[in-house]
Amino acid sequence: MNLSTSYSIYDVTFSFQHSIIRERYTDEANIGKLSDINISSAALLYRFSFENMHPLIKIEASNIFNESYQIIQDYPMPLREIRLTVSLQYQQRK
């Protein structure tokens, strides 16, 4: 189950997502089971315009509570991950 929300004011958007994953078995007989997962992520996005350029700056944090978990048995997922994205869209004037 995924729960998400976002809020925008002017050129800034904040978003939050929480994923709950249950009942994951590790074998065909459904005997082995992995632990339940609760993972949260958040992002802050700033988008603006300057003449014919449209910059975007975004910072995202995945697994913000630094949970140790596995989606597939014996393959641990990364702990907290922070990503910064900067992009620029250029639009020619007509």
C-alpha atoms as a PDB file:
ATOM      1  CA  MET A   1       0.000   0.000   0.000  1.00  0.00           C
ATOM      2  CA  ASN A   2       1.303   3.459  -0.895  1.00  0.00           C
ATOM      3  CA  LEU A   3       0.172   6.645   0.791  1.00  0.00           C
ATOM      4  CA  SER A   4       1.230   9.953  -0.699  1.00  0.00           C
ATOM      5  CA  THR A   5       0.534  13.636  -0.440  1.00  0.00           C
ATOM      6  CA  SER A   6       1.896  16.792  -1.983  1.00  0.00           C
ATOM      7  CA  TYR A   7       1.497  20.477  -1.339  1.00  0.00           C
ATOM      8  CA  SER A   8       2.373  23.326  -3.710  1.00  0.00           C
ATOM      9  CA  ILE A   9       2.654  27.001  -2.989  1.00  0.00           C
ATOM     10  CA  TYR A  10       3.840  29.342  -5.717  1.00  0.00           C
ATOM     11  CA  ASP A  11       6.868  27.686  -7.359  1.00  0.00           C
ATOM     12  CA  VAL A  12       7.619  25.202  -4.546  1.00  0.00           C
ATOM     13  CA  THR A  13       6.191  21.696  -4.194  1.00  0.00           C
ATOM     14  CA  PHE A  14       6.666  19.367  -1.232  1.00  0.00           C
ATOM     15  CA  SER A  15       5.742  15.700  -1.544  1.00  0.00           C
ATOM     16  CA  PHE A  16       5.759  12.796   0.900  1.00  0.00           C
ATOM     17  CA  GLN A  17       5.239   9.090   0.241  1.00  0.00           C
ATOM     18  CA  HIS A  18       4.978   6.173   2.652  1.00  0.00           C
ATOM     19  CA  SER A  19       5.028   2.568   1.433  1.00  0.00           C
ATOM     20  CA  ILE A  20       3.848  -0.389   3.473  1.00  0.00           C
ATOM     21  CA  ILE A  21       4.819  -3.809   2.144  1.00  0.00           C
ATOM     22  CA  ARG A  22       3.569  -6.992   3.801  1.00  0.00           C
ATOM     23  CA  GLU A  23       3.366 -10.745   3.122  1.00  0.00           C
ATOM     24  CA  ARG A  24       6.462 -11.463   1.017  1.00  0.00           C
ATOM     25  CA  TYR A  25       7.422 -15.090   0.867  1.00  0.00           C
ATOM     26  CA  THR A  26      10.834 -16.477  -0.019  1.00  0.00           C
ATOM     27  CA  ASP A  27       9.898 -19.925  -1.326  1.00  0.00           C
ATOM     28  CA  GLU A  28       7.260 -21.635  -3.438  1.00  0.00           C
ATOM     29  CA  ALA A  29       5.635 -23.302  -0.401  1.00  0.00           C
ATOM     30  CA  ASN A  30       5.090 -19.896   1.249  1.00  0.00           C
ATOM     31  CA  ILE A  31       6.883 -20.990   4.410  1.00  0.00           C
ATOM     32  CA  GLY A  32       9.790 -18.516   4.562  1.00  0.00           C
ATOM     33  CA  LYS A  33       8.706 -14.911   4.976  1.00  0.00           C
ATOM     34  CA  LEU A  34      10.525 -11.573   4.920  1.00  0.00           C
ATOM     35  CA  SER A  35       9.910  -8.862   7.497  1.00  0.00           C
ATOM     36  CA  ASP A  36       7.269  -6.221   6.830  1.00  0.00           C
ATOM     37  CA  ILE A  37       8.551  -2.938   5.378  1.00  0.00           C
ATOM     38  CA  ASN A  38       7.576   0.669   6.149  1.00  0.00           C
ATOM     39  CA  ILE A  39       9.558   3.103   3.997  1.00  0.00           C
ATOM     40  CA  SER A  40       9.097   6.874   3.701  1.00  0.00           C
ATOM     41  CA  SER A  41      10.371   9.279   1.071  1.00  0.00           C
ATOM     42  CA  ALA A  42      10.104  13.041   0.652  1.00  0.00           C
ATOM     43  CA  ALA A  43      10.951  15.593  -2.024  1.00  0.00           C
ATOM     44  CA  LEU A  44      11.158  19.360  -2.330  1.00  0.00           C
ATOM     45  CA  LEU A  45      10.928  20.870  -5.818  1.00  0.00           C
ATOM     46  CA  TYR A  46      11.512  24.472  -6.880  1.00  0.00           C
ATOM     47  CA  ARG A  47      10.564  25.428 -10.427  1.00  0.00           C
ATOM     48  CA  PHE A  48      10.792  28.953 -11.848  1.00  0.00           C
ATOM     49  CA  SER A  49      11.173  30.824 -15.108  1.00  0.00           C
ATOM     50  CA  PHE A  50      13.705  33.364 -16.259  1.00  0.00           C
ATOM     51  CA  GLU A  51      13.083  34.816 -19.707  1.00  0.00           C
ATOM     52  CA  ASN A  52      13.063  31.737 -21.977  1.00  0.00           C
ATOM     53  CA  MET A  53      14.762  29.413 -19.470  1.00  0.00           C
ATOM     54  CA  HIS A  54      12.931  27.158 -17.023  1.00  0.00           C
ATOM     55  CA  PRO A  55      15.233  25.861 -14.256  1.00  0.00           C
ATOM     56  CA  LEU A  56      14.217  23.132 -11.840  1.00  0.00           C
ATOM     57  CA  ILE A  57      15.901  22.249  -8.559  1.00  0.00           C
ATOM     58  CA  LYS A  58      14.801  19.150  -6.668  1.00  0.00           C
ATOM     59  CA  ILE A  59      16.077  17.439  -3.538  1.00  0.00           C
ATOM     60  CA  GLU A  60      14.768  13.976  -2.741  1.00  0.00           C
ATOM     61  CA  ALA A  61      15.307  11.731   0.259  1.00  0.00           C
ATOM     62  CA  SER A  62      14.462   8.035   0.057  1.00  0.00           C
ATOM     63  CA  ASN A  63      14.184   5.829   3.142  1.00  0.00           C
ATOM     64  CA  ILE A  64      14.299   8.962   5.299  1.00  0.00           C
ATOM     65  CA  PHE A  65      14.108   7.006   8.577  1.00  0.00           C
ATOM     66  CA  ASN A  66      17.146   4.913   7.548  1.00  0.00           C
ATOM     67  CA  GLU A  67      15.381   1.533   7.792  1.00  0.00           C
ATOM     68  CA  SER A  68      17.321  -1.639   7.014  1.00  0.00           C
ATOM     69  CA  TYR A  69      15.206  -3.826   4.702  1.00  0.00           C
ATOM     70  CA  GLN A  70      15.195  -6.371   1.902  1.00  0.00           C
ATOM     71  CA  ILE A  71      12.759  -6.655  -0.995  1.00  0.00           C
ATOM     72  CA  ILE A  72      14.392  -9.902  -2.133  1.00  0.00           C
ATOM     73  CA  GLN A  73      15.938 -12.263   0.413  1.00  0.00           C
ATOM     74  CA  ASP A  74      19.682 -11.684   0.985  1.00  0.00           C
ATOM     75  CA  TYR A  75      19.742  -8.510  -1.154  1.00  0.00           C
ATOM     76  CA  PRO A  76      19.741  -5.554   1.261  1.00  0.00           C
ATOM     77  CA  MET A  77      18.426  -2.249  -0.029  1.00  0.00           C
ATOM     78  CA  PRO A  78      20.309   1.031   0.488  1.00  0.00           C
ATOM     79  CA  LEU A  79      19.812   2.972   3.670  1.00  0.00           C
ATOM     80  CA  ARG A  80      18.940   6.665   3.485  1.00  0.00           C
ATOM     81  CA  GLU A  81      19.592   8.106   0.038  1.00  0.00           C
ATOM     82  CA  ILE A  82      19.624  11.797  -0.802  1.00  0.00           C
ATOM     83  CA  ARG A  83      19.544  12.999  -4.401  1.00  0.00           C
ATOM     84  CA  LEU A  84      19.876  16.501  -5.828  1.00  0.00           C
ATOM     85  CA  THR A  85      18.603  17.199  -9.345  1.00  0.00           C
ATOM     86  CA  VAL A  86      19.202  20.399 -11.278  1.00  0.00           C
ATOM     87  CA  SER A  87      17.842  20.806 -14.765  1.00  0.00           C
ATOM     88  CA  LEU A  88      17.379  23.593 -17.248  1.00  0.00           C
ATOM     89  CA  GLN A  89      14.843  23.657 -20.044  1.00  0.00           C
ATOM     90  CA  TYR A  90      15.468  26.194 -22.771  1.00  0.00           C
ATOM     91  CA  GLN A  91      12.609  27.312 -24.970  1.00  0.00           C
ATOM     92  CA  GLN A  92      13.336  29.264 -28.136  1.00  0.00           C
ATOM     93  CA  ARG A  93      11.317  32.373 -28.690  1.00  0.00           C
ATOM     94  CA  LYS A  94       9.055  32.376 -31.695  1.00  0.00           C
END
